[in-house]
Amino acid sequence: MLSGYESFFLPDSTFNTNGFNVPNNHGVTSAVGDTIVNGKIGVRTYLNNGIDCYVGYGHALTVDRWYSDIIRVELRFCF
């Protein structure tokens, strides 16, 4: 991402409405300058003519992130 915005929620900024906690102090701020780095490792194997499978794992290496951990499984058919 070269520019854009991200949501933020301040701690302890909710009020209760009908049993639901609703944030009352939130908004968006610029995401310019944020850096997201992920480390990933995986294996792809070819099962048959035109069929392969991939299994991989990823982990966020920076404080700014879209996720902490991810597992990816992919089955691909080529025709």
PDB file of N, CA and C in Angstrom:
ATOM      1  N   MET A   1       0.839  -1.168   0.000  1.00  0.00           N
ATOM      2  CA  MET A   1       0.000   0.000   0.000  1.00  0.00           C
ATOM      3  C   MET A   1       0.888   1.236   0.000  1.00  0.00           C
ATOM      4  N   LEU A   2       0.668   2.092  -0.927  1.00  0.00           N
ATOM      5  CA  LEU A   2       1.458   3.311  -0.992  1.00  0.00           C
ATOM      6  C   LEU A   2       0.764   4.482  -0.315  1.00  0.00           C
ATOM      7  N   SER A   3      -0.539   4.420  -0.198  1.00  0.00           N
ATOM      8  CA  SER A   3      -1.298   5.447   0.505  1.00  0.00           C
ATOM      9  C   SER A   3      -2.640   4.836   0.907  1.00  0.00           C
ATOM     10  N   GLY A   4      -3.340   5.505   1.758  1.00  0.00           N
ATOM     11  CA  GLY A   4      -4.640   4.996   2.187  1.00  0.00           C
ATOM     12  C   GLY A   4      -4.910   5.316   3.637  1.00  0.00           C
ATOM     13  N   TYR A   5      -5.928   4.672   4.178  1.00  0.00           N
ATOM     14  CA  TYR A   5      -6.352   4.935   5.543  1.00  0.00           C
ATOM     15  C   TYR A   5      -6.543   3.633   6.298  1.00  0.00           C
ATOM     16  N   GLU A   6      -6.473   3.717   7.611  1.00  0.00           N
ATOM     17  CA  GLU A   6      -6.729   2.575   8.466  1.00  0.00           C
ATOM     18  C   GLU A   6      -7.680   2.993   9.582  1.00  0.00           C
ATOM     19  N   SER A   7      -8.474   2.037  10.047  1.00  0.00           N
ATOM     20  CA  SER A   7      -9.396   2.290  11.150  1.00  0.00           C
ATOM     21  C   SER A   7      -8.655   2.258  12.472  1.00  0.00           C
ATOM     22  N   PHE A   8      -9.131   3.029  13.430  1.00  0.00           N
ATOM     23  CA  PHE A   8      -8.573   2.945  14.773  1.00  0.00           C
ATOM     24  C   PHE A   8      -9.709   2.997  15.788  1.00  0.00           C
ATOM     25  N   PHE A   9      -9.491   2.312  16.905  1.00  0.00           N
ATOM     26  CA  PHE A   9     -10.421   2.309  18.019  1.00  0.00           C
ATOM     27  C   PHE A   9      -9.628   2.608  19.274  1.00  0.00           C
ATOM     28  N   LEU A  10     -10.068   3.568  20.044  1.00  0.00           N
ATOM     29  CA  LEU A  10      -9.393   3.907  21.286  1.00  0.00           C
ATOM     30  C   LEU A  10      -9.836   2.945  22.383  1.00  0.00           C
ATOM     31  N   PRO A  11      -8.939   2.595  23.301  1.00  0.00           N
ATOM     32  CA  PRO A  11      -9.319   1.656  24.366  1.00  0.00           C
ATOM     33  C   PRO A  11     -10.399   2.254  25.279  1.00  0.00           C
ATOM     34  N   ASP A  12     -11.227   1.383  25.795  1.00  0.00           N
ATOM     35  CA  ASP A  12     -12.289   1.781  26.736  1.00  0.00           C
ATOM     36  C   ASP A  12     -13.165   2.886  26.183  1.00  0.00           C
ATOM     37  N   SER A  13     -13.500   2.774  24.913  1.00  0.00           N
ATOM     38  CA  SER A  13     -14.323   3.819  24.300  1.00  0.00           C
ATOM     39  C   SER A  13     -15.626   3.235  23.767  1.00  0.00           C
ATOM     40  N   THR A  14     -16.263   2.369  24.576  1.00  0.00           N
ATOM     41  CA  THR A  14     -17.505   1.757  24.129  1.00  0.00           C
ATOM     42  C   THR A  14     -18.636   2.097  25.084  1.00  0.00           C
ATOM     43  N   PHE A  15     -19.833   2.028  24.584  1.00  0.00           N
ATOM     44  CA  PHE A  15     -21.007   2.134  25.437  1.00  0.00           C
ATOM     45  C   PHE A  15     -21.912   0.961  25.101  1.00  0.00           C
ATOM     46  N   ASN A  16     -22.759   0.592  26.026  1.00  0.00           N
ATOM     47  CA  ASN A  16     -23.593  -0.589  25.883  1.00  0.00           C
ATOM     48  C   ASN A  16     -24.979  -0.196  25.397  1.00  0.00           C
ATOM     49  N   THR A  17     -25.405  -0.805  24.285  1.00  0.00           N
ATOM     50  CA  THR A  17     -26.728  -0.575  23.730  1.00  0.00           C
ATOM     51  C   THR A  17     -27.406  -1.915  23.525  1.00  0.00           C
ATOM     52  N   ASN A  18     -28.454  -2.169  24.248  1.00  0.00           N
ATOM     53  CA  ASN A  18     -29.219  -3.422  24.117  1.00  0.00           C
ATOM     54  C   ASN A  18     -28.322  -4.649  24.238  1.00  0.00           C
ATOM     55  N   GLY A  19     -27.341  -4.611  25.121  1.00  0.00           N
ATOM     56  CA  GLY A  19     -26.467  -5.761  25.337  1.00  0.00           C
ATOM     57  C   GLY A  19     -25.278  -5.833  24.403  1.00  0.00           C
ATOM     58  N   PHE A  20     -25.095  -4.856  23.511  1.00  0.00           N
ATOM     59  CA  PHE A  20     -23.971  -4.847  22.580  1.00  0.00           C
ATOM     60  C   PHE A  20     -23.045  -3.691  22.909  1.00  0.00           C
ATOM     61  N   ASN A  21     -21.742  -3.953  22.909  1.00  0.00           N
ATOM     62  CA  ASN A  21     -20.762  -2.891  23.077  1.00  0.00           C
ATOM     63  C   ASN A  21     -20.535  -2.217  21.731  1.00  0.00           C
ATOM     64  N   VAL A  22     -20.786  -0.931  21.672  1.00  0.00           N
ATOM     65  CA  VAL A  22     -20.655  -0.172  20.436  1.00  0.00           C
ATOM     66  C   VAL A  22     -19.577   0.889  20.629  1.00  0.00           C
ATOM     67  N   PRO A  23     -18.576   0.945  19.738  1.00  0.00           N
ATOM     68  CA  PRO A  23     -17.532   1.958  19.894  1.00  0.00           C
ATOM     69  C   PRO A  23     -18.098   3.358  19.678  1.00  0.00           C
ATOM     70  N   ASN A  24     -17.705   4.272  20.543  1.00  0.00           N
ATOM     71  CA  ASN A  24     -18.168   5.651  20.370  1.00  0.00           C
ATOM     72  C   ASN A  24     -17.004   6.607  20.119  1.00  0.00           C
ATOM     73  N   ASN A  25     -15.803   6.093  20.028  1.00  0.00           N
ATOM     74  CA  ASN A  25     -14.655   6.939  19.745  1.00  0.00           C
ATOM     75  C   ASN A  25     -13.748   6.200  18.773  1.00  0.00           C
ATOM     76  N   HIS A  26     -14.058   6.293  17.508  1.00  0.00           N
ATOM     77  CA  HIS A  26     -13.294   5.604  16.477  1.00  0.00           C
ATOM     78  C   HIS A  26     -13.225   6.488  15.238  1.00  0.00           C
ATOM     79  N   GLY A  27     -12.440   6.069  14.274  1.00  0.00           N
ATOM     80  CA  GLY A  27     -12.325   6.838  13.048  1.00  0.00           C
ATOM     81  C   GLY A  27     -11.285   6.240  12.138  1.00  0.00           C
ATOM     82  N   VAL A  28     -10.778   7.072  11.251  1.00  0.00           N
ATOM     83  CA  VAL A  28      -9.732   6.637  10.327  1.00  0.00           C
ATOM     84  C   VAL A  28      -8.558   7.588  10.418  1.00  0.00           C
ATOM     85  N   THR A  29      -7.390   7.059  10.122  1.00  0.00           N
ATOM     86  CA  THR A  29      -6.174   7.858  10.096  1.00  0.00           C
ATOM     87  C   THR A  29      -5.338   7.426   8.906  1.00  0.00           C
ATOM     88  N   SER A  30      -4.420   8.239   8.480  1.00  0.00           N
ATOM     89  CA  SER A  30      -3.580   7.926   7.328  1.00  0.00           C
ATOM     90  C   SER A  30      -2.685   6.726   7.622  1.00  0.00           C
ATOM     91  N   ALA A  31      -2.536   5.848   6.640  1.00  0.00           N
ATOM     92  CA  ALA A  31      -1.664   4.675   6.768  1.00  0.00           C
ATOM     93  C   ALA A  31      -0.337   4.884   6.047  1.00  0.00           C
ATOM     94  N   VAL A  32      -0.085   6.091   5.558  1.00  0.00           N
ATOM     95  CA  VAL A  32       1.177   6.381   4.871  1.00  0.00           C
ATOM     96  C   VAL A  32       2.331   6.186   5.837  1.00  0.00           C
ATOM     97  N   GLY A  33       3.343   5.457   5.414  1.00  0.00           N
ATOM     98  CA  GLY A  33       4.516   5.219   6.245  1.00  0.00           C
ATOM     99  C   GLY A  33       4.456   3.921   7.031  1.00  0.00           C
ATOM    100  N   ASP A  34       3.297   3.258   7.068  1.00  0.00           N
ATOM    101  CA  ASP A  34       3.210   1.952   7.727  1.00  0.00           C
ATOM    102  C   ASP A  34       3.938   0.919   6.876  1.00  0.00           C
ATOM    103  N   THR A  35       4.637   0.017   7.514  1.00  0.00           N
ATOM    104  CA  THR A  35       5.350  -1.054   6.822  1.00  0.00           C
ATOM    105  C   THR A  35       4.868  -2.390   7.361  1.00  0.00           C
ATOM    106  N   ILE A  36       4.472  -3.266   6.452  1.00  0.00           N
ATOM    107  CA  ILE A  36       4.029  -4.610   6.822  1.00  0.00           C
ATOM    108  C   ILE A  36       4.983  -5.606   6.196  1.00  0.00           C
ATOM    109  N   VAL A  37       5.584  -6.463   7.030  1.00  0.00           N
ATOM    110  CA  VAL A  37       6.500  -7.496   6.557  1.00  0.00           C
ATOM    111  C   VAL A  37       6.024  -8.842   7.106  1.00  0.00           C
ATOM    112  N   ASN A  38       5.893  -9.814   6.219  1.00  0.00           N
ATOM    113  CA  ASN A  38       5.470 -11.159   6.592  1.00  0.00           C
ATOM    114  C   ASN A  38       6.540 -12.155   6.158  1.00  0.00           C
ATOM    115  N   GLY A  39       6.768 -13.171   6.978  1.00  0.00           N
ATOM    116  CA  GLY A  39       7.640 -14.270   6.603  1.00  0.00           C
ATOM    117  C   GLY A  39       6.778 -15.464   6.236  1.00  0.00           C
ATOM    118  N   LYS A  40       7.088 -16.121   5.126  1.00  0.00           N
ATOM    119  CA  LYS A  40       6.279 -17.248   4.671  1.00  0.00           C
ATOM    120  C   LYS A  40       7.173 -18.384   4.207  1.00  0.00           C
ATOM    121  N   ILE A  41       6.670 -19.603   4.420  1.00  0.00           N
ATOM    122  CA  ILE A  41       7.359 -20.797   3.951  1.00  0.00           C
ATOM    123  C   ILE A  41       6.295 -21.782   3.502  1.00  0.00           C
ATOM    124  N   GLY A  42       6.604 -22.557   2.465  1.00  0.00           N
ATOM    125  CA  GLY A  42       5.622 -23.508   1.962  1.00  0.00           C
ATOM    126  C   GLY A  42       6.252 -24.540   1.057  1.00  0.00           C
ATOM    127  N   VAL A  43       5.441 -25.520   0.714  1.00  0.00           N
ATOM    128  CA  VAL A  43       5.876 -26.618  -0.151  1.00  0.00           C
ATOM    129  C   VAL A  43       4.810 -26.848  -1.209  1.00  0.00           C
ATOM    130  N   ARG A  44       5.242 -27.005  -2.454  1.00  0.00           N
ATOM    131  CA  ARG A  44       4.330 -27.357  -3.548  1.00  0.00           C
ATOM    132  C   ARG A  44       4.770 -28.704  -4.097  1.00  0.00           C
ATOM    133  N   THR A  45       3.803 -29.581  -4.277  1.00  0.00           N
ATOM    134  CA  THR A  45       4.099 -30.895  -4.839  1.00  0.00           C
ATOM    135  C   THR A  45       3.182 -31.160  -6.026  1.00  0.00           C
ATOM    136  N   TYR A  46       3.719 -31.843  -7.009  1.00  0.00           N
ATOM    137  CA  TYR A  46       2.959 -32.173  -8.210  1.00  0.00           C
ATOM    138  C   TYR A  46       2.409 -33.580  -8.060  1.00  0.00           C
ATOM    139  N   LEU A  47       1.075 -33.709  -8.066  1.00  0.00           N
ATOM    140  CA  LEU A  47       0.416 -34.969  -7.796  1.00  0.00           C
ATOM    141  C   LEU A  47       0.206 -35.808  -9.046  1.00  0.00           C
ATOM    142  N   ASN A  48      -0.144 -35.169 -10.135  1.00  0.00           N
ATOM    143  CA  ASN A  48      -0.517 -35.869 -11.344  1.00  0.00           C
ATOM    144  C   ASN A  48      -0.320 -34.906 -12.508  1.00  0.00           C
ATOM    145  N   ASN A  49      -0.573 -35.357 -13.693  1.00  0.00           N
ATOM    146  CA  ASN A  49      -0.449 -34.501 -14.862  1.00  0.00           C
ATOM    147  C   ASN A  49      -1.459 -33.352 -14.776  1.00  0.00           C
ATOM    148  N   GLY A  50      -0.986 -32.156 -14.486  1.00  0.00           N
ATOM    149  CA  GLY A  50      -1.853 -30.981 -14.412  1.00  0.00           C
ATOM    150  C   GLY A  50      -2.462 -30.716 -13.051  1.00  0.00           C
ATOM    151  N   ILE A  51      -2.079 -31.442 -12.010  1.00  0.00           N
ATOM    152  CA  ILE A  51      -2.626 -31.229 -10.671  1.00  0.00           C
ATOM    153  C   ILE A  51      -1.465 -31.046  -9.700  1.00  0.00           C
ATOM    154  N   ASP A  52      -1.515 -29.982  -8.904  1.00  0.00           N
ATOM    155  CA  ASP A  52      -0.511 -29.794  -7.866  1.00  0.00           C
ATOM    156  C   ASP A  52      -1.148 -29.242  -6.601  1.00  0.00           C
ATOM    157  N   CYS A  53      -0.435 -29.366  -5.487  1.00  0.00           N
ATOM    158  CA  CYS A  53      -0.940 -28.966  -4.178  1.00  0.00           C
ATOM    159  C   CYS A  53       0.118 -28.134  -3.464  1.00  0.00           C
ATOM    160  N   TYR A  54      -0.315 -27.084  -2.787  1.00  0.00           N
ATOM    161  CA  TYR A  54       0.583 -26.212  -2.024  1.00  0.00           C
ATOM    162  C   TYR A  54       0.069 -26.113  -0.594  1.00  0.00           C
ATOM    163  N   VAL A  55       0.976 -26.198   0.378  1.00  0.00           N
ATOM    164  CA  VAL A  55       0.666 -25.971   1.782  1.00  0.00           C
ATOM    165  C   VAL A  55       1.719 -25.022   2.316  1.00  0.00           C
ATOM    166  N   GLY A  56       1.292 -23.931   2.969  1.00  0.00           N
ATOM    167  CA  GLY A  56       2.241 -22.943   3.460  1.00  0.00           C
ATOM    168  C   GLY A  56       1.793 -22.291   4.751  1.00  0.00           C
ATOM    169  N   TYR A  57       2.744 -21.648   5.411  1.00  0.00           N
ATOM    170  CA  TYR A  57       2.508 -20.954   6.680  1.00  0.00           C
ATOM    171  C   TYR A  57       3.135 -19.569   6.582  1.00  0.00           C
ATOM    172  N   GLY A  58       2.461 -18.580   7.130  1.00  0.00           N
ATOM    173  CA  GLY A  58       2.985 -17.224   7.163  1.00  0.00           C
ATOM    174  C   GLY A  58       2.821 -16.608   8.535  1.00  0.00           C
ATOM    175  N   HIS A  59       3.759 -15.739   8.901  1.00  0.00           N
ATOM    176  CA  HIS A  59       3.737 -15.070  10.209  1.00  0.00           C
ATOM    177  C   HIS A  59       4.128 -13.605  10.024  1.00  0.00           C
ATOM    178  N   ALA A  60       3.408 -12.709  10.683  1.00  0.00           N
ATOM    179  CA  ALA A  60       3.711 -11.276  10.620  1.00  0.00           C
ATOM    180  C   ALA A  60       4.994 -10.989  11.391  1.00  0.00           C
ATOM    181  N   LEU A  61       5.894 -10.223  10.787  1.00  0.00           N
ATOM    182  CA  LEU A  61       7.175  -9.898  11.405  1.00  0.00           C
ATOM    183  C   LEU A  61       7.229  -8.473  11.938  1.00  0.00           C
ATOM    184  N   THR A  62       6.211  -7.676  11.662  1.00  0.00           N
ATOM    185  CA  THR A  62       6.184  -6.287  12.127  1.00  0.00           C
ATOM    186  C   THR A  62       4.940  -6.052  12.982  1.00  0.00           C
ATOM    187  N   VAL A  63       4.952  -4.945  13.722  1.00  0.00           N
ATOM    188  CA  VAL A  63       3.798  -4.580  14.551  1.00  0.00           C
ATOM    189  C   VAL A  63       2.604  -4.236  13.672  1.00  0.00           C
ATOM    190  N   ASP A  64       2.829  -3.473  12.592  1.00  0.00           N
ATOM    191  CA  ASP A  64       1.770  -3.197  11.623  1.00  0.00           C
ATOM    192  C   ASP A  64       1.528  -4.472  10.838  1.00  0.00           C
ATOM    193  N   ARG A  65       0.268  -4.941  10.802  1.00  0.00           N
ATOM    194  CA  ARG A  65      -0.003  -6.210  10.121  1.00  0.00           C
ATOM    195  C   ARG A  65      -1.468  -6.320   9.755  1.00  0.00           C
ATOM    196  N   TRP A  66      -1.744  -7.199   8.801  1.00  0.00           N
ATOM    197  CA  TRP A  66      -3.112  -7.541   8.427  1.00  0.00           C
ATOM    198  C   TRP A  66      -3.546  -8.809   9.140  1.00  0.00           C
ATOM    199  N   TYR A  67      -2.613  -9.634   9.522  1.00  0.00           N
ATOM    200  CA  TYR A  67      -2.893 -10.860  10.263  1.00  0.00           C
ATOM    201  C   TYR A  67      -1.656 -11.223  11.067  1.00  0.00           C
ATOM    202  N   SER A  68      -1.809 -12.105  12.090  1.00  0.00           N
ATOM    203  CA  SER A  68      -0.637 -12.563  12.847  1.00  0.00           C
ATOM    204  C   SER A  68      -0.072 -13.831  12.242  1.00  0.00           C
ATOM    205  N   ASP A  69      -0.937 -14.816  11.987  1.00  0.00           N
ATOM    206  CA  ASP A  69      -0.527 -16.092  11.415  1.00  0.00           C
ATOM    207  C   ASP A  69      -1.531 -16.503  10.343  1.00  0.00           C
ATOM    208  N   ILE A  70      -1.038 -17.216   9.326  1.00  0.00           N
ATOM    209  CA  ILE A  70      -1.921 -17.688   8.263  1.00  0.00           C
ATOM    210  C   ILE A  70      -1.429 -19.046   7.775  1.00  0.00           C
ATOM    211  N   ILE A  71      -2.380 -19.912   7.494  1.00  0.00           N
ATOM    212  CA  ILE A  71      -2.082 -21.195   6.858  1.00  0.00           C
ATOM    213  C   ILE A  71      -2.819 -21.209   5.530  1.00  0.00           C
ATOM    214  N   ARG A  72      -2.103 -21.583   4.490  1.00  0.00           N
ATOM    215  CA  ARG A  72      -2.695 -21.587   3.159  1.00  0.00           C
ATOM    216  C   ARG A  72      -2.583 -22.977   2.545  1.00  0.00           C
ATOM    217  N   VAL A  73      -3.704 -23.466   2.019  1.00  0.00           N
ATOM    218  CA  VAL A  73      -3.742 -24.750   1.313  1.00  0.00           C
ATOM    219  C   VAL A  73      -4.349 -24.468  -0.050  1.00  0.00           C
ATOM    220  N   GLU A  74      -3.662 -24.929  -1.088  1.00  0.00           N
ATOM    221  CA  GLU A  74      -4.094 -24.635  -2.453  1.00  0.00           C
ATOM    222  C   GLU A  74      -4.013 -25.909  -3.278  1.00  0.00           C
ATOM    223  N   LEU A  75      -5.086 -26.214  -3.995  1.00  0.00           N
ATOM    224  CA  LEU A  75      -5.113 -27.327  -4.920  1.00  0.00           C
ATOM    225  C   LEU A  75      -5.373 -26.738  -6.297  1.00  0.00           C
ATOM    226  N   ARG A  76      -4.470 -26.991  -7.217  1.00  0.00           N
ATOM    227  CA  ARG A  76      -4.543 -26.346  -8.534  1.00  0.00           C
ATOM    228  C   ARG A  76      -4.679 -27.396  -9.632  1.00  0.00           C
ATOM    229  N   PHE A  77      -5.635 -27.142 -10.523  1.00  0.00           N
ATOM    230  CA  PHE A  77      -5.850 -27.997 -11.685  1.00  0.00           C
ATOM    231  C   PHE A  77      -5.487 -27.196 -12.935  1.00  0.00           C
ATOM    232  N   CYS A  78      -4.640 -27.721 -13.767  1.00  0.00           N
ATOM    233  CA  CYS A  78      -4.268 -27.074 -15.027  1.00  0.00           C
ATOM    234  C   CYS A  78      -4.840 -27.895 -16.181  1.00  0.00           C
ATOM    235  N   PHE A  79      -5.466 -27.197 -17.117  1.00  0.00           N
ATOM    236  CA  PHE A  79      -6.030 -27.905 -18.266  1.00  0.00           C
ATOM    237  C   PHE A  79      -5.842 -27.089 -19.519  1.00  0.00           C
TER     238      PHE A  79
END
